[in-house]
Amino acid sequence: MEVIIFEKESWNKMMAELSVLVKSAAKDAAMEAIQVVDPVNDWVTAEQAQVLLGLKSKHKLVKLRDVGDISFTQHGRIYKYSKKSIHAFLLRHKVD
């Protein structure tokens, strides 16, 4: 058996870098998923929109909806969000 020992500072730095890589990969996967947009199936639920946008809070999604940053439709209490508008929003706020 082989034992590897890390200093606490090195461990924390490595974990922070790994976290950034995982978040980046998840965002890239979400972007690829919404690039192919079928007009009939353009609408996603609030939970799916939160995942695509990387939001933890539903309140942030509601704010984006209310200020007109992303398109939505409503039937009764059910809101659906346009994948096209989510993709456009992400591209407008892309940081190189």
C-alpha atoms as a PDB file:
ATOM      1  CA  MET A   1       0.000   0.000   0.000  1.00  0.00           C
ATOM      2  CA  GLU A   2       1.224   3.479  -0.867  1.00  0.00           C
ATOM      3  CA  VAL A   3       0.439   6.503   1.315  1.00  0.00           C
ATOM      4  CA  ILE A   4       0.470  10.041  -0.035  1.00  0.00           C
ATOM      5  CA  ILE A   5       0.626  12.933   2.390  1.00  0.00           C
ATOM      6  CA  PHE A   6      -0.391  16.513   1.533  1.00  0.00           C
ATOM      7  CA  GLU A   7       0.123  19.717   3.421  1.00  0.00           C
ATOM      8  CA  LYS A   8      -3.227  21.252   4.324  1.00  0.00           C
ATOM      9  CA  GLU A   9      -2.585  24.338   2.161  1.00  0.00           C
ATOM     10  CA  SER A  10      -1.663  22.192  -0.869  1.00  0.00           C
ATOM     11  CA  TRP A  11      -4.729  20.022  -0.351  1.00  0.00           C
ATOM     12  CA  ASN A  12      -7.041  23.071  -0.174  1.00  0.00           C
ATOM     13  CA  LYS A  13      -5.470  24.582  -3.304  1.00  0.00           C
ATOM     14  CA  MET A  14      -5.850  21.317  -5.221  1.00  0.00           C
ATOM     15  CA  MET A  15      -9.494  20.958  -4.137  1.00  0.00           C
ATOM     16  CA  ALA A  16     -10.262  24.563  -5.167  1.00  0.00           C
ATOM     17  CA  GLU A  17      -8.753  23.965  -8.623  1.00  0.00           C
ATOM     18  CA  LEU A  18     -10.691  20.720  -8.971  1.00  0.00           C
ATOM     19  CA  SER A  19     -13.914  22.511  -8.044  1.00  0.00           C
ATOM     20  CA  VAL A  20     -13.313  25.116 -10.769  1.00  0.00           C
ATOM     21  CA  LEU A  21     -12.671  22.374 -13.339  1.00  0.00           C
ATOM     22  CA  VAL A  22     -15.821  20.455 -12.412  1.00  0.00           C
ATOM     23  CA  LYS A  23     -17.989  23.590 -12.545  1.00  0.00           C
ATOM     24  CA  SER A  24     -16.498  24.528 -15.915  1.00  0.00           C
ATOM     25  CA  ALA A  25     -17.152  21.045 -17.312  1.00  0.00           C
ATOM     26  CA  ALA A  26     -20.750  21.113 -16.064  1.00  0.00           C
ATOM     27  CA  LYS A  27     -21.346  24.534 -17.625  1.00  0.00           C
ATOM     28  CA  ASP A  28     -19.813  23.380 -20.930  1.00  0.00           C
ATOM     29  CA  ALA A  29     -22.059  20.309 -20.926  1.00  0.00           C
ATOM     30  CA  ALA A  30     -25.123  22.485 -20.274  1.00  0.00           C
ATOM     31  CA  MET A  31     -24.135  24.828 -23.115  1.00  0.00           C
ATOM     32  CA  GLU A  32     -23.771  21.882 -25.514  1.00  0.00           C
ATOM     33  CA  ALA A  33     -27.154  20.548 -24.436  1.00  0.00           C
ATOM     34  CA  ILE A  34     -28.952  23.795 -25.261  1.00  0.00           C
ATOM     35  CA  GLN A  35     -27.159  24.551 -28.533  1.00  0.00           C
ATOM     36  CA  VAL A  36     -29.363  22.103 -30.439  1.00  0.00           C
ATOM     37  CA  VAL A  37     -32.760  23.694 -30.026  1.00  0.00           C
ATOM     38  CA  ASP A  38     -35.919  22.093 -31.361  1.00  0.00           C
ATOM     39  CA  PRO A  39     -38.628  24.779 -31.705  1.00  0.00           C
ATOM     40  CA  VAL A  40     -41.257  22.393 -30.373  1.00  0.00           C
ATOM     41  CA  ASN A  41     -39.183  21.358 -27.361  1.00  0.00           C
ATOM     42  CA  ASP A  42     -37.626  24.766 -26.698  1.00  0.00           C
ATOM     43  CA  TRP A  43     -39.301  25.106 -23.300  1.00  0.00           C
ATOM     44  CA  VAL A  44     -37.861  23.807 -20.034  1.00  0.00           C
ATOM     45  CA  THR A  45     -39.095  23.763 -16.453  1.00  0.00           C
ATOM     46  CA  ALA A  46     -37.857  26.172 -13.782  1.00  0.00           C
ATOM     47  CA  GLU A  47     -35.648  23.453 -12.305  1.00  0.00           C
ATOM     48  CA  GLN A  48     -34.063  22.695 -15.687  1.00  0.00           C
ATOM     49  CA  ALA A  49     -33.554  26.422 -16.334  1.00  0.00           C
ATOM     50  CA  GLN A  50     -31.781  26.758 -12.982  1.00  0.00           C
ATOM     51  CA  VAL A  51     -29.412  23.928 -13.915  1.00  0.00           C
ATOM     52  CA  LEU A  52     -28.694  25.415 -17.342  1.00  0.00           C
ATOM     53  CA  LEU A  53     -27.986  28.820 -15.799  1.00  0.00           C
ATOM     54  CA  GLY A  54     -26.048  27.389 -12.868  1.00  0.00           C
ATOM     55  CA  LEU A  55     -28.342  29.045 -10.328  1.00  0.00           C
ATOM     56  CA  LYS A  56     -28.833  27.739  -6.823  1.00  0.00           C
ATOM     57  CA  SER A  57     -31.668  30.106  -5.987  1.00  0.00           C
ATOM     58  CA  LYS A  58     -35.063  30.145  -7.648  1.00  0.00           C
ATOM     59  CA  HIS A  59     -35.305  33.831  -6.715  1.00  0.00           C
ATOM     60  CA  LYS A  60     -32.487  34.665  -9.144  1.00  0.00           C
ATOM     61  CA  LEU A  61     -34.366  32.867 -11.907  1.00  0.00           C
ATOM     62  CA  VAL A  62     -37.510  34.851 -11.105  1.00  0.00           C
ATOM     63  CA  LYS A  63     -35.485  38.084 -11.205  1.00  0.00           C
ATOM     64  CA  LEU A  64     -34.056  37.210 -14.642  1.00  0.00           C
ATOM     65  CA  ARG A  65     -37.586  36.472 -15.817  1.00  0.00           C
ATOM     66  CA  ASP A  66     -39.056  39.667 -14.355  1.00  0.00           C
ATOM     67  CA  VAL A  67     -36.433  42.016 -15.847  1.00  0.00           C
ATOM     68  CA  GLY A  68     -36.828  40.363 -19.258  1.00  0.00           C
ATOM     69  CA  ASP A  69     -33.381  38.777 -19.524  1.00  0.00           C
ATOM     70  CA  ILE A  70     -34.889  35.382 -20.395  1.00  0.00           C
ATOM     71  CA  SER A  71     -38.131  34.521 -22.171  1.00  0.00           C
ATOM     72  CA  PHE A  72     -40.849  32.540 -20.477  1.00  0.00           C
ATOM     73  CA  THR A  73     -44.404  31.374 -20.883  1.00  0.00           C
ATOM     74  CA  GLN A  74     -46.960  30.807 -18.183  1.00  0.00           C
ATOM     75  CA  HIS A  75     -49.988  28.550 -17.980  1.00  0.00           C
ATOM     76  CA  GLY A  76     -51.658  28.865 -14.607  1.00  0.00           C
ATOM     77  CA  ARG A  77     -48.933  28.548 -11.997  1.00  0.00           C
ATOM     78  CA  ILE A  78     -46.554  26.728 -14.313  1.00  0.00           C
ATOM     79  CA  TYR A  79     -43.701  28.686 -15.879  1.00  0.00           C
ATOM     80  CA  LYS A  80     -41.610  27.381 -18.757  1.00  0.00           C
ATOM     81  CA  TYR A  81     -38.401  29.024 -19.939  1.00  0.00           C
ATOM     82  CA  SER A  82     -37.002  29.242 -23.456  1.00  0.00           C
ATOM     83  CA  LYS A  83     -33.721  27.407 -23.989  1.00  0.00           C
ATOM     84  CA  LYS A  84     -32.924  29.836 -26.828  1.00  0.00           C
ATOM     85  CA  SER A  85     -33.210  32.830 -24.517  1.00  0.00           C
ATOM     86  CA  ILE A  86     -31.157  31.092 -21.818  1.00  0.00           C
ATOM     87  CA  HIS A  87     -28.442  30.338 -24.378  1.00  0.00           C
ATOM     88  CA  ALA A  88     -28.521  33.952 -25.632  1.00  0.00           C
ATOM     89  CA  PHE A  89     -28.317  35.240 -22.049  1.00  0.00           C
ATOM     90  CA  LEU A  90     -25.276  33.053 -21.327  1.00  0.00           C
ATOM     91  CA  LEU A  91     -23.564  34.209 -24.516  1.00  0.00           C
ATOM     92  CA  ARG A  92     -24.240  37.892 -23.676  1.00  0.00           C
ATOM     93  CA  HIS A  93     -22.620  37.416 -20.275  1.00  0.00           C
ATOM     94  CA  LYS A  94     -19.735  35.236 -21.411  1.00  0.00           C
ATOM     95  CA  VAL A  95     -16.358  36.220 -19.970  1.00  0.00           C
ATOM     96  CA  ASP A  96     -13.305  35.352 -22.030  1.00  0.00           C
END
